[in-house]
Protein backbone atom coordinates (compact mmCIF):
# COMPACT_ATOMS: atom_id res chain seq x y z
CA MET A 1 0.00 0.00 0.00
CA ALA A 2 1.52 3.29 -1.06
CA GLY A 3 1.53 6.40 1.10
CA GLY A 4 -0.50 9.43 0.24
CA GLU A 5 -3.54 10.91 1.86
CA ILE A 6 -6.47 9.80 3.95
CA ALA A 7 -9.40 11.91 5.05
CA LEU A 8 -11.67 11.88 8.07
CA ALA A 9 -15.16 13.26 7.55
CA SER A 10 -17.97 14.04 9.95
CA GLY A 11 -20.97 15.90 8.61
CA ARG A 12 -19.62 18.76 6.49
CA SER A 13 -16.24 18.75 8.23
CA VAL A 14 -13.37 17.04 6.42
CA THR A 15 -9.80 16.71 7.66
CA ARG A 16 -7.22 15.59 5.08
CA LEU A 17 -4.10 13.96 6.46
CA ARG A 18 -0.79 12.92 4.94
CA ALA A 19 -0.40 9.18 5.43
CA GLN A 20 2.49 6.75 5.35
CA PRO A 21 2.51 2.96 5.13
CA ALA A 22 2.78 1.27 8.53
CA VAL A 23 4.04 -2.18 9.42
CA SER A 24 1.10 -4.60 9.54
CA ASP A 25 0.18 -8.23 8.96
CA MET A 26 -3.10 -7.15 7.33
CA ASP A 27 -3.62 -8.01 3.68
CA GLY A 28 -3.23 -4.90 1.56
CA GLY A 29 -1.34 -3.01 4.25
CA VAL A 30 -2.22 -0.12 6.51
CA LEU A 31 -1.77 3.64 6.23
CA GLU A 32 -0.96 5.69 9.31
CA ALA A 33 -1.54 9.40 9.86
CA ARG A 34 -1.28 11.78 12.80
CA THR A 35 -3.54 14.63 13.82
CA THR A 36 -4.80 16.36 16.94
CA VAL A 37 -8.14 16.17 18.71
CA ASP A 38 -8.96 19.67 17.51
CA ALA A 39 -9.03 18.66 13.81
CA SER A 40 -12.36 19.79 12.34
CA ALA A 41 -13.64 16.28 11.54
CA LEU A 42 -12.75 15.04 15.02
CA ARG A 43 -14.47 18.02 16.67
CA ALA A 44 -17.61 17.15 14.70
CA PHE A 45 -17.24 13.44 15.57
CA ARG A 46 -17.03 14.38 19.24
CA ARG A 47 -20.39 16.18 18.95
CA THR A 48 -22.22 13.76 16.66
CA GLY A 49 -20.57 10.34 16.84
CA ASP A 50 -20.52 10.27 13.02
CA LEU A 51 -17.17 9.53 11.35
CA ASP A 52 -16.11 8.33 7.92
CA LEU A 53 -12.65 7.28 6.77
CA LEU A 54 -11.87 8.01 3.11
CA VAL A 55 -8.91 6.26 1.49
CA ALA A 56 -8.50 6.51 -2.29
CA ASP A 57 -11.86 5.32 -3.67
CA ALA A 58 -12.87 3.51 -0.46
CA HIS A 59 -15.35 4.89 2.07
CA HIS A 60 -15.50 3.33 5.55
CA ASP A 61 -18.33 4.21 7.94
CA LEU A 62 -16.96 4.37 11.49
CA ASP A 63 -19.99 5.90 13.21
CA ALA A 64 -20.30 5.29 16.94
CA ALA A 65 -23.51 3.58 18.03
CA SER A 66 -25.76 5.88 20.05
CA ALA A 67 -25.09 3.67 23.08
CA ASP A 68 -21.37 4.42 22.68
CA GLN A 69 -21.67 8.21 22.63
CA ARG A 70 -20.64 8.45 26.29
CA GLN A 71 -17.41 6.55 25.51
CA VAL A 72 -16.69 8.89 22.58
CA LYS A 73 -16.93 11.90 24.87
CA ALA A 74 -14.80 10.15 27.54
CA PHE A 75 -12.12 9.38 24.93
CA PHE A 76 -11.87 13.03 23.90
CA LYS A 77 -11.84 14.16 27.52
CA ALA A 78 -8.94 11.79 28.24
CA CYS A 79 -7.05 13.04 25.18
CA SER A 80 -7.50 16.67 26.23
CA THR A 81 -6.02 16.33 29.71
């Protein structure tokens, strides 16, 4: 899997990130990117629980279940301390 770009999207917020291949046993490989919790798509995800991962032509729905919304907020709280 070649490096390049991935994007996180939540609602109308999109955060594009430079990505590099990472070591993995997964077929097809894995891309890795870094960002901060204040990236626009992650701020929207924190509010809504809706998150999509866009890689090349692939779209992956990563939405949190409504029952998991409390854990989403706890995750961001832990990352912000």
